[in-house]
Amino acid sequence: MDQLLAMRAFARVVETGSFTRAADSLDMPNATMSKLVQDLEAHLGTRLLQRTTRRVTVTPEGQDYYAKATRVLRDIEDIDTSFNLARGKPRGHLRIDVGGSTAKDVLIPLLPDFLGRYPDIRVDLGVSDRAVDLIGDNVDCVIRGGPLDNSSLVARHIGDAVLITCATPAYLKQFGVPAYPDELKNGHRLVSYVSTQNGRAMPFRFQRDGERIDIKVEHRVGVNESNAHLAAAVAGIGIVQTFTYACEAALRDGTLVEILKKWRPAPYPFHIVYPQSRYVTQRLRVFIEWLADCFPAKVRGGAADRG
C-alpha cells in the first residue's frame, strides 16, 4: 500500500463527502479510491468511514485520523515548497474559480503576465457566477465581489470596482433618460442581475452626498450570469447596472451610454477567498500577491469617466 497516497485519498473523501468526487479531484478511478481507503483501514485496524448507498459518514476514529493526517500532508507540502523556493520556482497545480465577466475582462487579460513569471505553475480556471464549495470542489481560491458571510474562509481585499447604470442610445431615445433614480419606477424596463445563491434579483443601488437609494421594482428580464447580463443591455432590452471593466468597450464605441452618473453607487469590493483549513501553498501565495498588485487598476476601468 502507498500509505501517503492512501492518506491523501482518505482526506479528499472526508473533504468532499463522496468517493466519486474525491476520485475526480485526484484524477483516479473510483475503484482505486475505494481500495486505497480500504487498505488504509486494514492497515490501521479500524473503520474510518461508514458507507451507505446514499452517504459517507466519518467515524470518530476517522475524524481523529483526518486531523492528524492533514497535518502530515501539510508538512510534506511545506517541505516540497521549501525546496521549490530554494530554486526560486513555485510549481504545481492551481485551481481558481472566478465569475464570468471578471474572468473575461480582468483575469484572463492579466494572466499571461503571471504565467510568464511562474512557468512551472499550471492554472485551471472554473468560470461561472455560482457559489462553489472550496473544499468539496477542490478549489484553491475564488475571486468574488460583494459582501462576505462565511467565517470559515479567509478573504483578502484586492480592489474595488466601479458600478455604473447604462443602456443603449436606442432604448434611451424610446423611453427617455432618467434624471433621478426614482424615475426608474415609471415605465422603464430593467434588466436585473439574479443571484445564483438565492435566486433573488439584486436591487439597483444609488448613492449621492451620503444618501443611498435602493430601487427594487419588477424587472423585465433577470439574468444570473454576468456576461449574459451585459449582453441583454447591449441588445437594447433595458437598463442595467454593471461594472465599468465589463462595459468599457461598449461605452467607448457608443453602444452603451451611462446614465445617472451623479448617483453612482459606492465602490464594489472584490476579494480573493480560500479555506481557513487549507495550507497556503507557495503557488497560491504568489498568485494572491500578484493579483493584489495588478487587480485594482484593472477593475476600476476608465471609459465611463471620459467625456
Protein backbone atom coordinates (compact mmCIF):
# COMPACT_ATOMS: atom_id res chain seq x y z
CA MET A 1 0.00 0.00 0.00
CA ASP A 2 1.18 3.51 -0.83
CA GLN A 3 0.34 4.97 2.57
CA LEU A 4 0.88 8.59 1.57
CA LEU A 5 -1.45 8.23 -1.41
CA ALA A 6 -3.97 6.42 0.78
CA MET A 7 -3.88 9.28 3.30
CA ARG A 8 -4.49 11.80 0.52
CA ALA A 9 -7.35 9.70 -0.81
CA PHE A 10 -8.97 9.40 2.61
CA ALA A 11 -8.60 13.14 3.26
CA ARG A 12 -10.29 14.01 -0.04
CA VAL A 13 -13.22 11.67 0.73
CA VAL A 14 -13.70 13.43 4.07
CA GLU A 15 -13.47 16.88 2.45
CA THR A 16 -15.80 16.13 -0.46
CA GLY A 17 -18.17 13.76 1.34
CA SER A 18 -18.12 11.44 -1.65
CA PHE A 19 -15.87 8.74 -3.10
CA THR A 20 -16.82 9.81 -6.62
CA ARG A 21 -16.00 13.48 -6.09
CA ALA A 22 -12.79 12.60 -4.29
CA ALA A 23 -11.72 10.29 -7.13
CA ASP A 24 -12.47 13.01 -9.69
CA SER A 25 -10.45 15.59 -7.77
CA LEU A 26 -7.41 13.27 -7.62
CA ASP A 27 -7.92 12.06 -11.19
CA MET A 28 -8.13 8.38 -10.30
CA PRO A 29 -10.73 5.63 -10.85
CA ASN A 30 -13.45 5.19 -8.26
CA ALA A 31 -12.37 1.61 -7.62
CA THR A 32 -8.79 2.74 -6.89
CA MET A 33 -10.02 5.35 -4.44
CA SER A 34 -12.16 2.79 -2.61
CA LYS A 35 -9.32 0.26 -2.50
CA LEU A 36 -6.87 2.81 -1.07
CA VAL A 37 -9.24 3.70 1.78
CA GLN A 38 -9.99 0.03 2.47
CA ASP A 39 -6.27 -0.76 2.59
CA LEU A 40 -5.70 2.17 4.94
CA GLU A 41 -8.46 0.96 7.27
CA ALA A 42 -6.99 -2.57 7.23
CA HIS A 43 -3.52 -1.19 7.96
CA LEU A 44 -4.84 0.84 10.92
CA GLY A 45 -7.16 -1.91 12.11
CA THR A 46 -10.12 0.45 12.45
CA ARG A 47 -13.02 1.77 10.40
CA LEU A 48 -12.54 5.37 9.30
CA LEU A 49 -15.70 5.78 7.22
CA GLN A 50 -19.25 4.44 7.37
CA ARG A 51 -20.56 3.87 3.86
CA THR A 52 -24.18 3.57 2.73
CA THR A 53 -25.71 3.80 -0.72
CA ARG A 54 -26.66 7.42 -0.03
CA ARG A 55 -23.85 8.95 2.01
CA VAL A 56 -20.41 8.64 3.57
CA THR A 57 -20.03 9.40 7.29
CA VAL A 58 -16.75 9.88 9.12
CA THR A 59 -16.39 7.77 12.27
CA PRO A 60 -14.92 9.28 15.48
CA GLU A 61 -11.69 7.38 14.73
CA GLY A 62 -11.81 8.75 11.19
CA GLN A 63 -12.18 12.33 12.44
CA ASP A 64 -9.15 11.90 14.69
CA TYR A 65 -7.09 10.32 11.92
CA TYR A 66 -8.14 13.04 9.44
CA ALA A 67 -6.95 15.81 11.77
CA LYS A 68 -3.57 14.13 12.21
CA ALA A 69 -3.18 13.04 8.59
CA THR A 70 -3.85 16.51 7.20
CA ARG A 71 -1.13 17.92 9.44
CA VAL A 72 1.30 15.36 7.98
CA LEU A 73 0.21 16.16 4.42
CA ARG A 74 0.67 19.88 5.03
CA ASP A 75 4.15 19.28 6.48
CA ILE A 76 5.09 17.28 3.39
CA GLU A 77 3.84 20.04 1.11
CA ASP A 78 5.76 22.56 3.21
CA ILE A 79 8.96 20.54 2.73
CA ASP A 80 8.39 20.33 -1.02
CA THR A 81 7.65 24.05 -1.15
CA SER A 82 10.82 24.94 0.71
CA PHE A 83 12.90 23.14 -1.93
CA ASN A 84 10.99 24.86 -4.71
CA LEU A 85 11.59 28.19 -3.01
CA ALA A 86 15.29 27.45 -2.77
CA ARG A 87 15.29 27.12 -6.54
CA GLY A 88 13.06 30.19 -6.80
CA LYS A 89 10.40 28.31 -8.77
CA PRO A 90 6.93 27.80 -7.30
CA ARG A 91 5.34 24.90 -9.14
CA GLY A 92 2.25 22.74 -9.24
CA HIS A 93 -1.45 22.93 -9.99
CA LEU A 94 -3.55 25.97 -9.06
CA ARG A 95 -7.37 25.78 -9.24
CA ILE A 96 -9.12 29.15 -9.32
CA ASP A 97 -12.84 29.92 -9.53
CA VAL A 98 -13.94 33.30 -10.89
CA GLY A 99 -17.10 34.98 -12.16
CA GLY A 100 -17.81 35.24 -15.88
CA SER A 101 -17.15 38.91 -16.65
CA THR A 102 -14.28 39.09 -14.15
CA ALA A 103 -12.61 36.19 -15.93
CA LYS A 104 -13.20 37.58 -19.42
CA ASP A 105 -12.38 41.23 -18.81
CA VAL A 106 -9.92 41.20 -15.91
CA LEU A 107 -8.19 37.95 -15.00
CA ILE A 108 -7.62 36.34 -18.41
CA PRO A 109 -6.12 39.52 -19.97
CA LEU A 110 -3.76 39.75 -16.98
CA LEU A 111 -2.92 36.04 -16.83
CA PRO A 112 -0.10 35.97 -19.44
CA ASP A 113 1.99 38.09 -17.08
CA PHE A 114 1.50 35.61 -14.21
CA LEU A 115 2.24 32.59 -16.42
CA GLY A 116 5.35 34.30 -17.72
CA ARG A 117 6.63 34.91 -14.21
CA TYR A 118 5.80 31.40 -12.97
CA PRO A 119 6.14 28.98 -15.88
CA ASP A 120 6.00 25.90 -13.62
CA ILE A 121 2.52 26.70 -12.27
CA ARG A 122 -0.39 25.12 -14.14
CA VAL A 123 -3.70 27.00 -13.84
CA ASP A 124 -7.24 25.65 -14.11
CA LEU A 125 -10.00 28.29 -14.20
CA GLY A 126 -13.54 27.47 -13.18
CA VAL A 127 -15.62 30.25 -14.75
CA SER A 128 -19.17 30.81 -13.50
CA ASP A 129 -21.15 33.12 -11.25
CA ARG A 130 -22.33 30.29 -9.00
CA ALA A 131 -21.05 29.83 -5.47
CA VAL A 132 -18.59 26.96 -5.16
CA ASP A 133 -17.65 24.70 -2.27
CA LEU A 134 -13.93 25.35 -2.00
CA ILE A 135 -13.26 22.17 -0.04
CA GLY A 136 -15.69 19.86 -1.80
CA ASP A 137 -14.83 21.14 -5.27
CA ASN A 138 -11.09 21.07 -4.51
CA VAL A 139 -10.63 24.74 -5.40
CA ASP A 140 -7.60 26.64 -4.11
CA CYS A 141 -9.24 30.07 -4.18
CA VAL A 142 -12.15 32.05 -5.57
CA ILE A 143 -12.33 35.65 -6.76
CA ARG A 144 -15.65 37.23 -5.86
CA GLY A 145 -17.25 40.63 -5.46
CA GLY A 146 -19.64 41.79 -2.77
CA PRO A 147 -20.04 41.19 0.95
CA LEU A 148 -18.67 38.03 2.54
CA ASP A 149 -20.64 35.99 5.04
CA ASN A 150 -18.65 32.77 5.56
CA SER A 151 -16.42 32.98 8.63
CA SER A 152 -14.73 29.67 7.78
CA LEU A 153 -13.00 31.33 4.84
CA VAL A 154 -10.01 33.65 4.68
CA ALA A 155 -10.58 36.69 2.48
CA ARG A 156 -8.12 39.28 1.22
CA HIS A 157 -9.45 42.51 -0.24
CA ILE A 158 -7.86 43.01 -3.65
CA GLY A 159 -9.66 46.03 -5.08
CA ASP A 160 -12.88 47.96 -5.64
CA ALA A 161 -14.79 48.06 -8.91
CA VAL A 162 -16.90 50.91 -10.24
CA LEU A 163 -20.58 50.13 -10.83
CA ILE A 164 -22.49 52.21 -13.37
CA THR A 165 -26.01 52.34 -14.77
CA CYS A 166 -26.34 52.23 -18.56
CA ALA A 167 -28.49 51.48 -21.59
CA THR A 168 -28.35 51.71 -25.37
CA PRO A 169 -28.96 55.05 -27.16
CA ALA A 170 -31.98 53.48 -28.90
CA TYR A 171 -33.53 52.48 -25.58
CA LEU A 172 -32.99 55.96 -24.11
CA LYS A 173 -34.48 57.58 -27.21
CA GLN A 174 -37.62 55.45 -26.84
CA PHE A 175 -38.07 55.57 -23.04
CA GLY A 176 -36.24 58.75 -22.06
CA VAL A 177 -33.17 59.48 -19.96
CA PRO A 178 -33.94 59.34 -16.23
CA ALA A 179 -32.59 62.24 -14.18
CA TYR A 180 -33.23 60.67 -10.77
CA PRO A 181 -33.18 57.04 -9.57
CA ASP A 182 -36.90 57.09 -8.65
CA GLU A 183 -37.75 57.66 -12.31
CA LEU A 184 -36.76 54.04 -12.99
CA LYS A 185 -40.07 53.08 -11.36
CA ASN A 186 -42.06 54.94 -14.01
CA GLY A 187 -42.26 52.82 -17.14
CA HIS A 188 -38.58 51.94 -17.51
CA ARG A 189 -37.51 48.39 -18.35
CA LEU A 190 -34.85 46.99 -16.05
CA VAL A 191 -32.54 44.04 -16.63
CA SER A 192 -31.69 42.67 -13.20
CA TYR A 193 -28.77 40.54 -12.13
CA VAL A 194 -30.20 37.49 -10.34
CA SER A 195 -28.15 35.90 -7.56
CA THR A 196 -27.14 32.29 -8.19
CA GLN A 197 -27.20 31.70 -4.43
CA ASN A 198 -30.78 32.66 -3.60
CA GLY A 199 -32.46 33.38 -6.93
CA ARG A 200 -33.26 36.96 -5.94
CA ALA A 201 -32.79 39.97 -8.18
CA MET A 202 -30.16 42.41 -6.95
CA PRO A 203 -31.59 45.89 -6.35
CA PHE A 204 -30.39 48.86 -8.37
CA ARG A 205 -28.28 50.83 -5.90
CA PHE A 206 -27.54 54.56 -6.00
CA GLN A 207 -25.63 56.97 -3.77
CA ARG A 208 -25.12 60.72 -3.71
CA ASP A 209 -23.88 63.07 -0.97
CA GLY A 210 -24.28 60.37 1.65
CA GLU A 211 -27.83 59.49 0.55
CA ARG A 212 -28.37 55.90 -0.53
CA ILE A 213 -31.33 54.66 -2.57
CA ASP A 214 -32.15 51.05 -3.43
CA ILE A 215 -34.60 50.57 -6.29
CA LYS A 216 -36.50 47.28 -6.09
CA VAL A 217 -39.03 47.02 -8.90
CA GLU A 218 -40.20 44.14 -11.05
CA HIS A 219 -37.64 43.61 -13.78
CA ARG A 220 -38.38 42.95 -17.44
CA VAL A 221 -35.61 40.35 -17.66
CA GLY A 222 -33.48 38.70 -14.99
CA VAL A 223 -30.08 37.14 -15.78
CA ASN A 224 -27.83 35.11 -13.45
CA GLU A 225 -24.57 35.27 -15.44
CA SER A 226 -22.57 38.47 -15.77
CA ASN A 227 -21.61 38.29 -19.46
CA ALA A 228 -25.18 37.46 -20.46
CA HIS A 229 -26.43 40.27 -18.21
CA LEU A 230 -24.35 42.79 -20.14
CA ALA A 231 -25.40 41.22 -23.46
CA ALA A 232 -29.03 41.89 -22.53
CA ALA A 233 -28.24 45.59 -22.17
CA VAL A 234 -26.36 45.70 -25.49
CA ALA A 235 -29.38 44.05 -27.13
CA GLY A 236 -31.49 47.01 -26.01
CA ILE A 237 -33.71 45.05 -23.62
CA GLY A 238 -33.38 47.61 -20.86
CA ILE A 239 -31.26 49.38 -18.25
CA VAL A 240 -28.55 47.52 -16.32
CA GLN A 241 -26.10 48.17 -13.54
CA THR A 242 -22.75 46.62 -14.29
CA PHE A 243 -19.02 47.14 -13.83
CA THR A 244 -17.05 49.61 -15.90
CA TYR A 245 -14.48 46.93 -16.72
CA ALA A 246 -17.21 44.79 -18.31
CA CYS A 247 -18.78 47.53 -20.45
CA GLU A 248 -15.72 49.69 -21.19
CA ALA A 249 -15.60 48.81 -24.89
CA ALA A 250 -19.37 49.32 -25.32
CA LEU A 251 -19.15 52.74 -23.63
CA ARG A 252 -16.16 53.74 -25.74
CA ASP A 253 -17.84 52.92 -29.07
CA GLY A 254 -21.22 54.32 -28.05
CA THR A 255 -23.09 51.01 -27.93
CA LEU A 256 -24.00 51.83 -24.31
CA VAL A 257 -24.42 55.18 -22.57
CA GLU A 258 -24.01 55.80 -18.87
CA ILE A 259 -26.97 57.38 -17.08
CA LEU A 260 -27.44 58.68 -13.53
CA LYS A 261 -23.71 59.29 -13.33
CA LYS A 262 -24.04 61.59 -10.31
CA TRP A 263 -25.76 58.73 -8.48
CA ARG A 264 -23.10 56.06 -8.90
CA PRO A 265 -23.24 53.51 -6.06
CA ALA A 266 -20.38 53.01 -3.62
CA PRO A 267 -17.34 51.11 -4.93
CA TYR A 268 -17.92 47.36 -5.05
CA PRO A 269 -15.31 45.34 -3.11
CA PHE A 270 -13.58 42.29 -4.54
CA HIS A 271 -11.81 39.60 -2.52
CA ILE A 272 -9.71 36.54 -3.11
CA VAL A 273 -11.03 33.83 -0.80
CA TYR A 274 -9.58 30.50 0.35
CA PRO A 275 -10.35 27.98 3.12
CA GLN A 276 -9.01 28.56 6.62
CA SER A 277 -8.27 24.88 7.00
CA ARG A 278 -6.17 24.57 3.87
CA TYR A 279 -2.43 25.06 3.84
CA VAL A 280 -1.48 28.09 1.74
CA THR A 281 0.96 26.74 -0.80
CA GLN A 282 3.68 28.87 -2.27
CA ARG A 283 1.96 28.81 -5.66
CA LEU A 284 -1.25 30.17 -4.08
CA ARG A 285 0.71 32.73 -2.08
CA VAL A 286 2.47 34.15 -5.14
CA PHE A 287 -0.82 34.22 -7.06
CA ILE A 288 -2.53 36.19 -4.26
CA GLU A 289 0.33 38.70 -4.08
CA TRP A 290 0.45 39.08 -7.85
CA LEU A 291 -3.31 39.57 -8.15
CA ALA A 292 -3.47 42.07 -5.28
CA ASP A 293 -0.83 44.12 -7.08
CA CYS A 294 -2.40 44.24 -10.56
CA PHE A 295 -6.14 43.77 -9.92
CA PRO A 296 -7.12 47.22 -8.56
CA ALA A 297 -6.15 49.24 -11.63
CA LYS A 298 -7.78 46.74 -13.97
CA VAL A 299 -11.18 46.67 -12.25
CA ARG A 300 -11.54 50.42 -11.98
CA GLY A 301 -11.80 50.81 -15.74
CA GLY A 302 -11.70 54.22 -17.38
CA ALA A 303 -14.07 54.57 -20.30
CA ALA A 304 -17.03 55.54 -18.13
CA ASP A 305 -15.16 58.58 -16.84
CA ARG A 306 -14.44 60.05 -20.25
CA GLY A 307 -16.43 62.82 -21.85
